[in-house]
PDB file of N, CA and C in Angstrom:
ATOM      1  N   MET A   1      53.675  77.962  51.252  1.00  0.00           N
ATOM      2  CA  MET A   1      54.816  77.581  50.368  1.00  0.00           C
ATOM      3  C   MET A   1      54.192  76.646  49.254  1.00  0.00           C
ATOM      4  N   TYR A   2      53.233  75.815  49.586  1.00  0.00           N
ATOM      5  CA  TYR A   2      52.600  75.014  48.495  1.00  0.00           C
ATOM      6  C   TYR A   2      51.705  75.943  47.677  1.00  0.00           C
ATOM      7  N   GLY A   3      51.606  75.529  46.394  1.00  0.00           N
ATOM      8  CA  GLY A   3      50.794  76.305  45.489  1.00  0.00           C
ATOM      9  C   GLY A   3      51.498  77.428  44.863  1.00  0.00           C
ATOM     10  N   ARG A   4      52.676  77.720  45.283  1.00  0.00           N
ATOM     11  CA  ARG A   4      53.425  78.822  44.669  1.00  0.00           C
ATOM     12  C   ARG A   4      54.227  78.259  43.479  1.00  0.00           C
ATOM     13  N   GLU A   5      54.121  78.955  42.365  1.00  0.00           N
ATOM     14  CA  GLU A   5      54.794  78.502  41.123  1.00  0.00           C
ATOM     15  C   GLU A   5      56.304  78.632  41.238  1.00  0.00           C
ATOM     16  N   ARG A   6      57.001  77.549  41.184  1.00  0.00           N
ATOM     17  CA  ARG A   6      58.482  77.557  41.304  1.00  0.00           C
ATOM     18  C   ARG A   6      59.207  77.700  40.003  1.00  0.00           C
ATOM     19  N   ARG A   7      58.490  77.340  38.890  1.00  0.00           N
ATOM     20  CA  ARG A   7      59.201  77.553  37.621  1.00  0.00           C
ATOM     21  C   ARG A   7      59.226  79.000  37.275  1.00  0.00           C
ATOM     22  N   GLN A   8      60.430  79.391  36.718  1.00  0.00           N
ATOM     23  CA  GLN A   8      60.600  80.792  36.362  1.00  0.00           C
ATOM     24  C   GLN A   8      60.379  80.868  34.882  1.00  0.00           C
ATOM     25  N   ARG A   9      59.573  81.847  34.487  1.00  0.00           N
ATOM     26  CA  ARG A   9      59.392  82.057  33.042  1.00  0.00           C
ATOM     27  C   ARG A   9      60.428  83.033  32.543  1.00  0.00           C
ATOM     28  N   GLN A  10      61.292  82.404  31.584  1.00  0.00           N
ATOM     29  CA  GLN A  10      62.399  83.245  31.020  1.00  0.00           C
ATOM     30  C   GLN A  10      62.287  83.118  29.507  1.00  0.00           C
ATOM     31  N   ASP A  11      62.668  84.071  28.794  1.00  0.00           N
ATOM     32  CA  ASP A  11      62.805  83.995  27.365  1.00  0.00           C
ATOM     33  C   ASP A  11      64.019  83.084  27.101  1.00  0.00           C
ATOM     34  N   PRO A  12      63.881  82.067  26.381  1.00  0.00           N
ATOM     35  CA  PRO A  12      65.006  81.182  26.142  1.00  0.00           C
ATOM     36  C   PRO A  12      65.974  81.851  25.046  1.00  0.00           C
ATOM     37  N   ASP A  13      67.237  81.463  25.183  1.00  0.00           N
ATOM     38  CA  ASP A  13      68.186  81.960  24.282  1.00  0.00           C
ATOM     39  C   ASP A  13      68.016  81.244  22.863  1.00  0.00           C
ATOM     40  N   THR A  14      67.748  81.967  21.878  1.00  0.00           N
ATOM     41  CA  THR A  14      67.399  81.381  20.540  1.00  0.00           C
ATOM     42  C   THR A  14      68.555  80.543  20.031  1.00  0.00           C
ATOM     43  N   ALA A  15      69.832  80.895  20.185  1.00  0.00           N
ATOM     44  CA  ALA A  15      70.871  80.177  19.703  1.00  0.00           C
ATOM     45  C   ALA A  15      70.958  78.791  20.412  1.00  0.00           C
ATOM     46  N   THR A  16      70.745  78.796  21.752  1.00  0.00           N
ATOM     47  CA  THR A  16      70.648  77.546  22.404  1.00  0.00           C
ATOM     48  C   THR A  16      69.601  76.614  22.000  1.00  0.00           C
ATOM     49  N   LEU A  17      68.445  77.162  21.731  1.00  0.00           N
ATOM     50  CA  LEU A  17      67.264  76.401  21.297  1.00  0.00           C
ATOM     51  C   LEU A  17      67.530  75.814  19.904  1.00  0.00           C
ATOM     52  N   ARG A  18      68.159  76.553  19.056  1.00  0.00           N
ATOM     53  CA  ARG A  18      68.399  76.091  17.697  1.00  0.00           C
ATOM     54  C   ARG A  18      69.624  75.131  17.584  1.00  0.00           C
ATOM     55  N   ALA A  19      70.436  74.987  18.624  1.00  0.00           N
ATOM     56  CA  ALA A  19      71.573  74.095  18.586  1.00  0.00           C
ATOM     57  C   ALA A  19      71.080  72.678  18.459  1.00  0.00           C
ATOM     58  N   GLY A  20      71.704  71.962  17.524  1.00  0.00           N
ATOM     59  CA  GLY A  20      71.324  70.585  17.370  1.00  0.00           C
ATOM     60  C   GLY A  20      70.238  70.311  16.371  1.00  0.00           C
ATOM     61  N   LEU A  21      69.556  71.362  15.916  1.00  0.00           N
ATOM     62  CA  LEU A  21      68.432  71.114  14.915  1.00  0.00           C
ATOM     63  C   LEU A  21      69.100  70.833  13.545  1.00  0.00           C
ATOM     64  N   THR A  22      68.405  70.116  12.721  1.00  0.00           N
ATOM     65  CA  THR A  22      68.860  69.835  11.370  1.00  0.00           C
ATOM     66  C   THR A  22      68.745  70.996  10.456  1.00  0.00           C
ATOM     67  N   PRO A  23      69.436  71.047   9.412  1.00  0.00           N
ATOM     68  CA  PRO A  23      69.299  72.162   8.438  1.00  0.00           C
ATOM     69  C   PRO A  23      67.817  72.270   7.919  1.00  0.00           C
ATOM     70  N   ALA A  24      67.170  71.114   7.684  1.00  0.00           N
ATOM     71  CA  ALA A  24      65.801  71.146   7.268  1.00  0.00           C
ATOM     72  C   ALA A  24      64.892  71.788   8.279  1.00  0.00           C
ATOM     73  N   GLN A  25      65.084  71.486   9.557  1.00  0.00           N
ATOM     74  CA  GLN A  25      64.291  72.005  10.657  1.00  0.00           C
ATOM     75  C   GLN A  25      64.503  73.591  10.758  1.00  0.00           C
ATOM     76  N   LEU A  26      65.776  73.974  10.591  1.00  0.00           N
ATOM     77  CA  LEU A  26      66.098  75.374  10.650  1.00  0.00           C
ATOM     78  C   LEU A  26      65.436  76.141   9.497  1.00  0.00           C
ATOM     79  N   HIS A  27      65.463  75.610   8.301  1.00  0.00           N
ATOM     80  CA  HIS A  27      64.860  76.239   7.183  1.00  0.00           C
ATOM     81  C   HIS A  27      63.291  76.344   7.364  1.00  0.00           C
ATOM     82  N   ALA A  28      62.710  75.222   7.873  1.00  0.00           N
ATOM     83  CA  ALA A  28      61.213  75.299   8.117  1.00  0.00           C
ATOM     84  C   ALA A  28      60.950  76.278   9.194  1.00  0.00           C
ATOM     85  N   LEU A  29      61.714  76.358  10.182  1.00  0.00           N
ATOM     86  CA  LEU A  29      61.565  77.293  11.340  1.00  0.00           C
ATOM     87  C   LEU A  29      61.625  78.665  10.774  1.00  0.00           C
ATOM     88  N   ALA A  30      62.591  78.993   9.935  1.00  0.00           N
ATOM     89  CA  ALA A  30      62.675  80.392   9.431  1.00  0.00           C
ATOM     90  C   ALA A  30      61.413  80.778   8.644  1.00  0.00           C
ATOM     91  N   THR A  31      60.882  79.807   7.925  1.00  0.00           N
ATOM     92  CA  THR A  31      59.658  80.084   7.083  1.00  0.00           C
ATOM     93  C   THR A  31      58.528  80.313   8.107  1.00  0.00           C
ATOM     94  N   LEU A  32      58.370  79.481   9.124  1.00  0.00           N
ATOM     95  CA  LEU A  32      57.255  79.594  10.076  1.00  0.00           C
ATOM     96  C   LEU A  32      57.381  80.942  10.860  1.00  0.00           C
ATOM     97  N   GLU A  33      58.594  81.383  11.197  1.00  0.00           N
ATOM     98  CA  GLU A  33      58.672  82.628  11.862  1.00  0.00           C
ATOM     99  C   GLU A  33      58.248  83.808  11.113  1.00  0.00           C
ATOM    100  N   GLN A  34      58.323  83.747   9.734  1.00  0.00           N
ATOM    101  CA  GLN A  34      57.817  84.835   8.908  1.00  0.00           C
ATOM    102  C   GLN A  34      56.323  84.963   9.028  1.00  0.00           C
ATOM    103  N   PHE A  35      55.640  83.868   9.493  1.00  0.00           N
ATOM    104  CA  PHE A  35      54.166  83.922   9.657  1.00  0.00           C
ATOM    105  C   PHE A  35      53.779  84.042  11.113  1.00  0.00           C
ATOM    106  N   GLY A  36      54.744  84.405  11.922  1.00  0.00           N
ATOM    107  CA  GLY A  36      54.388  84.707  13.340  1.00  0.00           C
ATOM    108  C   GLY A  36      54.485  83.566  14.316  1.00  0.00           C
ATOM    109  N   TRP A  37      55.011  82.455  13.916  1.00  0.00           N
ATOM    110  CA  TRP A  37      55.218  81.349  14.793  1.00  0.00           C
ATOM    111  C   TRP A  37      56.558  81.475  15.550  1.00  0.00           C
ATOM    112  N   THR A  38      56.640  80.899  16.771  1.00  0.00           N
ATOM    113  CA  THR A  38      57.876  81.096  17.533  1.00  0.00           C
ATOM    114  C   THR A  38      58.237  79.765  18.137  1.00  0.00           C
ATOM    115  N   LEU A  39      59.525  79.502  18.136  1.00  0.00           N
ATOM    116  CA  LEU A  39      60.131  78.263  18.739  1.00  0.00           C
ATOM    117  C   LEU A  39      60.155  78.518  20.250  1.00  0.00           C
ATOM    118  N   ARG A  40      59.282  77.822  20.983  1.00  0.00           N
ATOM    119  CA  ARG A  40      59.173  78.041  22.384  1.00  0.00           C
ATOM    120  C   ARG A  40      60.081  77.206  23.211  1.00  0.00           C
ATOM    121  N   PHE A  41      60.231  75.847  22.809  1.00  0.00           N
ATOM    122  CA  PHE A  41      61.129  75.007  23.532  1.00  0.00           C
ATOM    123  C   PHE A  41      61.519  73.832  22.634  1.00  0.00           C
ATOM    124  N   VAL A  42      62.594  73.121  23.088  1.00  0.00           N
ATOM    125  CA  VAL A  42      63.057  71.953  22.405  1.00  0.00           C
ATOM    126  C   VAL A  42      63.162  70.868  23.414  1.00  0.00           C
ATOM    127  N   ARG A  43      62.483  69.789  23.256  1.00  0.00           N
ATOM    128  CA  ARG A  43      62.691  68.674  24.110  1.00  0.00           C
ATOM    129  C   ARG A  43      63.878  67.888  23.606  1.00  0.00           C
ATOM    130  N   ARG A  44      64.702  67.400  24.559  1.00  0.00           N
ATOM    131  CA  ARG A  44      65.914  66.719  24.137  1.00  0.00           C
ATOM    132  C   ARG A  44      65.921  65.343  24.934  1.00  0.00           C
ATOM    133  N   PRO A  45      65.158  64.318  24.408  1.00  0.00           N
ATOM    134  CA  PRO A  45      65.187  63.012  25.052  1.00  0.00           C
ATOM    135  C   PRO A  45      66.531  62.405  24.850  1.00  0.00           C
ATOM    136  N   LEU A  46      66.875  61.551  25.877  1.00  0.00           N
ATOM    137  CA  LEU A  46      68.188  60.842  25.771  1.00  0.00           C
ATOM    138  C   LEU A  46      68.174  59.887  24.640  1.00  0.00           C
ATOM    139  N   PHE A  47      69.324  59.927  23.895  1.00  0.00           N
ATOM    140  CA  PHE A  47      69.561  58.990  22.786  1.00  0.00           C
ATOM    141  C   PHE A  47      68.575  59.160  21.649  1.00  0.00           C
ATOM    142  N   ARG A  48      67.954  60.284  21.552  1.00  0.00           N
ATOM    143  CA  ARG A  48      67.025  60.531  20.451  1.00  0.00           C
ATOM    144  C   ARG A  48      67.273  61.932  19.882  1.00  0.00           C
ATOM    145  N   ASP A  49      66.730  62.229  18.749  1.00  0.00           N
ATOM    146  CA  ASP A  49      66.838  63.518  18.121  1.00  0.00           C
ATOM    147  C   ASP A  49      66.049  64.621  18.935  1.00  0.00           C
ATOM    148  N   PRO A  50      66.489  65.856  18.819  1.00  0.00           N
ATOM    149  CA  PRO A  50      65.750  66.943  19.495  1.00  0.00           C
ATOM    150  C   PRO A  50      64.348  67.088  18.957  1.00  0.00           C
ATOM    151  N   VAL A  51      63.363  67.488  19.762  1.00  0.00           N
ATOM    152  CA  VAL A  51      62.000  67.689  19.318  1.00  0.00           C
ATOM    153  C   VAL A  51      61.632  69.158  19.506  1.00  0.00           C
ATOM    154  N   PRO A  52      61.809  69.955  18.461  1.00  0.00           N
ATOM    155  CA  PRO A  52      61.447  71.351  18.521  1.00  0.00           C
ATOM    156  C   PRO A  52      59.972  71.585  18.547  1.00  0.00           C
ATOM    157  N   VAL A  53      59.391  72.425  19.397  1.00  0.00           N
ATOM    158  CA  VAL A  53      58.007  72.679  19.497  1.00  0.00           C
ATOM    159  C   VAL A  53      57.803  74.189  19.088  1.00  0.00           C
ATOM    160  N   VAL A  54      56.923  74.411  18.177  1.00  0.00           N
ATOM    161  CA  VAL A  54      56.804  75.724  17.668  1.00  0.00           C
ATOM    162  C   VAL A  54      55.262  76.201  17.859  1.00  0.00           C
ATOM    163  N   PHE A  55      55.087  77.343  18.453  1.00  0.00           N
ATOM    164  CA  PHE A  55      53.706  77.814  18.739  1.00  0.00           C
ATOM    165  C   PHE A  55      53.289  78.917  17.866  1.00  0.00           C
ATOM    166  N   GLN A  56      51.946  78.965  17.502  1.00  0.00           N
ATOM    167  CA  GLN A  56      51.395  79.982  16.806  1.00  0.00           C
ATOM    168  C   GLN A  56      51.346  81.312  17.605  1.00  0.00           C
ATOM    169  N   ARG A  57      51.224  82.384  17.019  1.00  0.00           N
ATOM    170  CA  ARG A  57      51.264  83.749  17.689  1.00  0.00           C
ATOM    171  C   ARG A  57      50.388  83.755  18.849  1.00  0.00           C
ATOM    172  N   ASP A  58      49.146  83.296  18.810  1.00  0.00           N
ATOM    173  CA  ASP A  58      48.219  83.384  19.991  1.00  0.00           C
ATOM    174  C   ASP A  58      48.546  82.376  21.091  1.00  0.00           C
ATOM    175  N   GLY A  59      49.490  81.439  20.870  1.00  0.00           N
ATOM    176  CA  GLY A  59      49.848  80.443  21.849  1.00  0.00           C
ATOM    177  C   GLY A  59      48.899  79.256  22.037  1.00  0.00           C
ATOM    178  N   ARG A  60      47.850  79.178  21.298  1.00  0.00           N
ATOM    179  CA  ARG A  60      46.900  78.130  21.421  1.00  0.00           C
ATOM    180  C   ARG A  60      47.240  76.929  20.604  1.00  0.00           C
ATOM    181  N   ARG A  61      47.842  77.089  19.555  1.00  0.00           N
ATOM    182  CA  ARG A  61      48.202  75.932  18.521  1.00  0.00           C
ATOM    183  C   ARG A  61      49.721  75.713  18.540  1.00  0.00           C
ATOM    184  N   PHE A  62      50.112  74.476  18.473  1.00  0.00           N
ATOM    185  CA  PHE A  62      51.602  74.207  18.418  1.00  0.00           C
ATOM    186  C   PHE A  62      51.798  72.971  17.386  1.00  0.00           C
ATOM    187  N   VAL A  63      52.893  73.004  16.854  1.00  0.00           N
ATOM    188  CA  VAL A  63      53.293  71.818  15.957  1.00  0.00           C
ATOM    189  C   VAL A  63      54.754  71.363  16.372  1.00  0.00           C
ATOM    190  N   VAL A  64      55.084  70.220  15.945  1.00  0.00           N
ATOM    191  CA  VAL A  64      56.450  69.716  16.131  1.00  0.00           C
ATOM    192  C   VAL A  64      57.153  69.745  14.777  1.00  0.00           C
ATOM    193  N   LEU A  65      58.367  70.186  14.756  1.00  0.00           N
ATOM    194  CA  LEU A  65      59.181  70.103  13.557  1.00  0.00           C
ATOM    195  C   LEU A  65      59.965  68.814  13.537  1.00  0.00           C
ATOM    196  N   GLU A  66      59.606  67.921  12.526  1.00  0.00           N
ATOM    197  CA  GLU A  66      60.278  66.646  12.357  1.00  0.00           C
ATOM    198  C   GLU A  66      61.735  66.930  11.794  1.00  0.00           C
ATOM    199  N   ALA A  67      62.515  65.878  11.863  1.00  0.00           N
ATOM    200  CA  ALA A  67      63.891  66.033  11.495  1.00  0.00           C
ATOM    201  C   ALA A  67      64.061  66.358  10.079  1.00  0.00           C
ATOM    202  N   ASP A  68      63.053  65.964   9.176  1.00  0.00           N
ATOM    203  CA  ASP A  68      63.166  66.269   7.816  1.00  0.00           C
ATOM    204  C   ASP A  68      62.564  67.645   7.469  1.00  0.00           C
ATOM    205  N   GLY A  69      62.119  68.382   8.456  1.00  0.00           N
ATOM    206  CA  GLY A  69      61.545  69.719   8.221  1.00  0.00           C
ATOM    207  C   GLY A  69      60.065  69.751   8.055  1.00  0.00           C
ATOM    208  N   THR A  70      59.396  68.558   8.008  1.00  0.00           N
ATOM    209  CA  THR A  70      57.953  68.570   7.945  1.00  0.00           C
ATOM    210  C   THR A  70      57.338  68.913   9.272  1.00  0.00           C
ATOM    211  N   LEU A  71      56.098  69.280   9.236  1.00  0.00           N
ATOM    212  CA  LEU A  71      55.349  69.600  10.401  1.00  0.00           C
ATOM    213  C   LEU A  71      54.471  68.494  10.897  1.00  0.00           C
ATOM    214  N   ASN A  72      54.512  68.197  12.116  1.00  0.00           N
ATOM    215  CA  ASN A  72      53.640  67.220  12.822  1.00  0.00           C
ATOM    216  C   ASN A  72      52.596  67.975  13.537  1.00  0.00           C
ATOM    217  N   GLU A  73      51.377  68.093  12.887  1.00  0.00           N
ATOM    218  CA  GLU A  73      50.328  68.890  13.453  1.00  0.00           C
ATOM    219  C   GLU A  73      49.526  68.147  14.546  1.00  0.00           C
ATOM    220  N   ALA A  74      49.760  66.899  14.717  1.00  0.00           N
ATOM    221  CA  ALA A  74      49.113  66.108  15.792  1.00  0.00           C
ATOM    222  C   ALA A  74      50.099  65.322  16.614  1.00  0.00           C
ATOM    223  N   PRO A  75      51.015  66.084  17.269  1.00  0.00           N
ATOM    224  CA  PRO A  75      51.997  65.393  18.050  1.00  0.00           C
ATOM    225  C   PRO A  75      51.462  64.714  19.353  1.00  0.00           C
ATOM    226  N   ASP A  76      52.143  63.792  19.888  1.00  0.00           N
ATOM    227  CA  ASP A  76      51.682  63.114  21.033  1.00  0.00           C
ATOM    228  C   ASP A  76      52.255  63.745  22.310  1.00  0.00           C
ATOM    229  N   LEU A  77      52.325  65.027  22.328  1.00  0.00           N
ATOM    230  CA  LEU A  77      52.895  65.771  23.474  1.00  0.00           C
ATOM    231  C   LEU A  77      51.801  66.282  24.349  1.00  0.00           C
ATOM    232  N   VAL A  78      52.067  66.332  25.575  1.00  0.00           N
ATOM    233  CA  VAL A  78      51.075  66.959  26.588  1.00  0.00           C
ATOM    234  C   VAL A  78      51.758  68.243  27.089  1.00  0.00           C
ATOM    235  N   ILE A  79      51.169  69.384  26.772  1.00  0.00           N
ATOM    236  CA  ILE A  79      51.677  70.720  27.198  1.00  0.00           C
ATOM    237  C   ILE A  79      50.983  71.128  28.462  1.00  0.00           C
ATOM    238  N   ARG A  80      51.769  71.388  29.477  1.00  0.00           N
ATOM    239  CA  ARG A  80      51.233  71.940  30.712  1.00  0.00           C
ATOM    240  C   ARG A  80      51.203  73.394  30.756  1.00  0.00           C
ATOM    241  N   ASP A  81      50.311  74.031  31.418  1.00  0.00           N
ATOM    242  CA  ASP A  81      50.163  75.488  31.573  1.00  0.00           C
ATOM    243  C   ASP A  81      51.151  75.964  32.565  1.00  0.00           C
TER     244      ASP A  81
END
């Protein structure tokens, strides 16, 4: 039983992921998607703005979309495999 992966890999609902993002974030996301980037998940910390995390096509590089639509290329996130 130990060692078995319990998390289920599902494709997230894009409308659910985009809910709560600012217009600037949505605009920047649309531009990034034209270049092959995908919104993989959104962290929603309590009492803080959502933190959308966008991955490059190969999945090795990621950025965070700030509330004003700018990219944070050096976020302080730890991504687990």
